[in-house]
């Protein structure tokens, strides 16, 4: 799967405590290493991303290491991990 980072979103927060916790809660998954091909970094964050080359312009959360979270290019990542909606009204604030 190909994604691109949405830069400039570090100030946005959610009730889950961190965006990585948000991703774990709503994906039902955990991850140890950065899912970018060949990366073995463990300093993971929940990155705001969009699908690359897709008409879908929604924002998602996906686990990336700090370095890849600052990337401005297209990233090839593992299909084994799910994209989770960054829209809090669809996830952690649903029903509020």
C-alpha atoms as a PDB file:
ATOM      1  CA  UNK A   1       0.000   0.000   0.000  1.00  0.00           C
ATOM      2  CA  UNK A   2       1.227   3.509  -0.758  1.00  0.00           C
ATOM      3  CA  UNK A   3       0.562   6.399   1.593  1.00  0.00           C
ATOM      4  CA  UNK A   4       1.714   9.978   1.995  1.00  0.00           C
ATOM      5  CA  UNK A   5       2.213  11.828   5.249  1.00  0.00           C
ATOM      6  CA  UNK A   6       0.109  14.868   6.077  1.00  0.00           C
ATOM      7  CA  UNK A   7       2.627  17.283   7.559  1.00  0.00           C
ATOM      8  CA  UNK A   8       1.697  20.006  10.036  1.00  0.00           C
ATOM      9  CA  UNK A   9      -0.785  17.976  12.107  1.00  0.00           C
ATOM     10  CA  UNK A  10       1.317  17.427  15.237  1.00  0.00           C
ATOM     11  CA  UNK A  11      -0.813  19.820  17.315  1.00  0.00           C
ATOM     12  CA  UNK A  12      -4.030  17.833  16.820  1.00  0.00           C
ATOM     13  CA  UNK A  13      -4.959  15.569  19.717  1.00  0.00           C
ATOM     14  CA  UNK A  14      -7.561  12.993  20.639  1.00  0.00           C
ATOM     15  CA  UNK A  15      -9.010  11.533  23.827  1.00  0.00           C
ATOM     16  CA  UNK A  16      -7.091   8.250  23.381  1.00  0.00           C
ATOM     17  CA  UNK A  17      -3.911   9.747  24.875  1.00  0.00           C
ATOM     18  CA  UNK A  18      -1.879   9.562  21.659  1.00  0.00           C
ATOM     19  CA  UNK A  19      -2.554   8.937  17.996  1.00  0.00           C
ATOM     20  CA  UNK A  20      -0.627   5.637  18.252  1.00  0.00           C
ATOM     21  CA  UNK A  21      -2.979   4.500  21.038  1.00  0.00           C
ATOM     22  CA  UNK A  22      -5.883   5.664  18.858  1.00  0.00           C
ATOM     23  CA  UNK A  23      -4.606   3.476  16.006  1.00  0.00           C
ATOM     24  CA  UNK A  24      -4.109   0.460  18.317  1.00  0.00           C
ATOM     25  CA  UNK A  25      -7.589   0.854  19.842  1.00  0.00           C
ATOM     26  CA  UNK A  26      -9.490   1.147  16.565  1.00  0.00           C
ATOM     27  CA  UNK A  27      -7.370  -1.199  14.417  1.00  0.00           C
ATOM     28  CA  UNK A  28      -7.218  -3.912  17.072  1.00  0.00           C
ATOM     29  CA  UNK A  29      -3.567  -4.317  16.099  1.00  0.00           C
ATOM     30  CA  UNK A  30      -0.139  -3.653  17.593  1.00  0.00           C
ATOM     31  CA  UNK A  31       3.178  -3.141  15.873  1.00  0.00           C
ATOM     32  CA  UNK A  32       6.807  -3.253  17.046  1.00  0.00           C
ATOM     33  CA  UNK A  33       8.737  -1.975  14.006  1.00  0.00           C
ATOM     34  CA  UNK A  34       7.955   0.770  11.511  1.00  0.00           C
ATOM     35  CA  UNK A  35       5.906  -0.828   8.682  1.00  0.00           C
ATOM     36  CA  UNK A  36       7.839   1.004   5.946  1.00  0.00           C
ATOM     37  CA  UNK A  37       9.718  -1.586   3.891  1.00  0.00           C
ATOM     38  CA  UNK A  38      13.188  -2.256   5.334  1.00  0.00           C
ATOM     39  CA  UNK A  39      12.790   0.058   8.343  1.00  0.00           C
ATOM     40  CA  UNK A  40      13.560  -1.462  11.741  1.00  0.00           C
ATOM     41  CA  UNK A  41      12.951   1.631  13.893  1.00  0.00           C
ATOM     42  CA  UNK A  42      10.852   1.230  17.044  1.00  0.00           C
ATOM     43  CA  UNK A  43      10.134   4.897  17.932  1.00  0.00           C
ATOM     44  CA  UNK A  44       6.592   4.738  16.622  1.00  0.00           C
ATOM     45  CA  UNK A  45       3.930   7.432  16.464  1.00  0.00           C
ATOM     46  CA  UNK A  46       0.438   7.505  15.029  1.00  0.00           C
ATOM     47  CA  UNK A  47       0.963   9.431  11.806  1.00  0.00           C
ATOM     48  CA  UNK A  48      -1.704  11.346   9.909  1.00  0.00           C
ATOM     49  CA  UNK A  49      -1.637   9.986   6.360  1.00  0.00           C
ATOM     50  CA  UNK A  50      -3.627   9.808   3.135  1.00  0.00           C
ATOM     51  CA  UNK A  51      -3.764   7.075   0.526  1.00  0.00           C
ATOM     52  CA  UNK A  52      -1.517   7.871  -2.449  1.00  0.00           C
ATOM     53  CA  UNK A  53      -2.989   7.945  -5.971  1.00  0.00           C
ATOM     54  CA  UNK A  54      -6.530   7.516  -4.696  1.00  0.00           C
ATOM     55  CA  UNK A  55      -9.703   9.572  -5.030  1.00  0.00           C
ATOM     56  CA  UNK A  56     -10.137   8.933  -1.276  1.00  0.00           C
ATOM     57  CA  UNK A  57      -8.948  12.143   0.393  1.00  0.00           C
ATOM     58  CA  UNK A  58      -9.841  11.093   3.954  1.00  0.00           C
ATOM     59  CA  UNK A  59      -7.263  11.394   6.710  1.00  0.00           C
ATOM     60  CA  UNK A  60      -6.107   8.211   8.420  1.00  0.00           C
ATOM     61  CA  UNK A  61      -3.849   7.213  11.293  1.00  0.00           C
ATOM     62  CA  UNK A  62      -1.077   4.705  10.560  1.00  0.00           C
ATOM     63  CA  UNK A  63       1.948   3.733  12.679  1.00  0.00           C
ATOM     64  CA  UNK A  64       5.257   5.174  11.467  1.00  0.00           C
ATOM     65  CA  UNK A  65       8.630   5.815  13.079  1.00  0.00           C
ATOM     66  CA  UNK A  66       9.476   9.426  13.886  1.00  0.00           C
ATOM     67  CA  UNK A  67      11.722   9.759  10.813  1.00  0.00           C
ATOM     68  CA  UNK A  68       9.111   8.449   8.378  1.00  0.00           C
ATOM     69  CA  UNK A  69       6.470  10.606  10.085  1.00  0.00           C
ATOM     70  CA  UNK A  70       8.462  13.624   8.856  1.00  0.00           C
ATOM     71  CA  UNK A  71       8.710  12.259   5.307  1.00  0.00           C
ATOM     72  CA  UNK A  72       7.252  14.337   2.495  1.00  0.00           C
ATOM     73  CA  UNK A  73       7.332  11.619  -0.166  1.00  0.00           C
ATOM     74  CA  UNK A  74       5.240   8.561  -0.926  1.00  0.00           C
ATOM     75  CA  UNK A  75       5.853   5.632   1.428  1.00  0.00           C
ATOM     76  CA  UNK A  76       5.437   1.945   0.566  1.00  0.00           C
ATOM     77  CA  UNK A  77       4.046   0.312   3.718  1.00  0.00           C
ATOM     78  CA  UNK A  78       2.835  -3.109   4.787  1.00  0.00           C
ATOM     79  CA  UNK A  79      -0.720  -4.079   3.860  1.00  0.00           C
ATOM     80  CA  UNK A  80      -0.827  -6.120   7.086  1.00  0.00           C
ATOM     81  CA  UNK A  81      -1.698  -3.021   9.121  1.00  0.00           C
ATOM     82  CA  UNK A  82      -5.003  -1.221   8.769  1.00  0.00           C
ATOM     83  CA  UNK A  83      -5.607   2.457   8.218  1.00  0.00           C
ATOM     84  CA  UNK A  84      -7.780   3.942  10.972  1.00  0.00           C
ATOM     85  CA  UNK A  85      -9.936   7.011  10.438  1.00  0.00           C
ATOM     86  CA  UNK A  86      -8.479  10.206  11.894  1.00  0.00           C
ATOM     87  CA  UNK A  87     -12.021  11.614  12.069  1.00  0.00           C
ATOM     88  CA  UNK A  88     -12.702  11.603  15.812  1.00  0.00           C
ATOM     89  CA  UNK A  89     -16.468  11.805  15.194  1.00  0.00           C
ATOM     90  CA  UNK A  90     -16.217   8.345  13.575  1.00  0.00           C
ATOM     91  CA  UNK A  91     -13.993   6.870  16.292  1.00  0.00           C
ATOM     92  CA  UNK A  92     -13.133   8.111  19.812  1.00  0.00           C
ATOM     93  CA  UNK A  93     -15.802  10.841  19.944  1.00  0.00           C
ATOM     94  CA  UNK A  94     -18.562   8.794  18.328  1.00  0.00           C
ATOM     95  CA  UNK A  95     -21.846   9.362  20.130  1.00  0.00           C
ATOM     96  CA  UNK A  96     -20.645  12.415  22.074  1.00  0.00           C
END
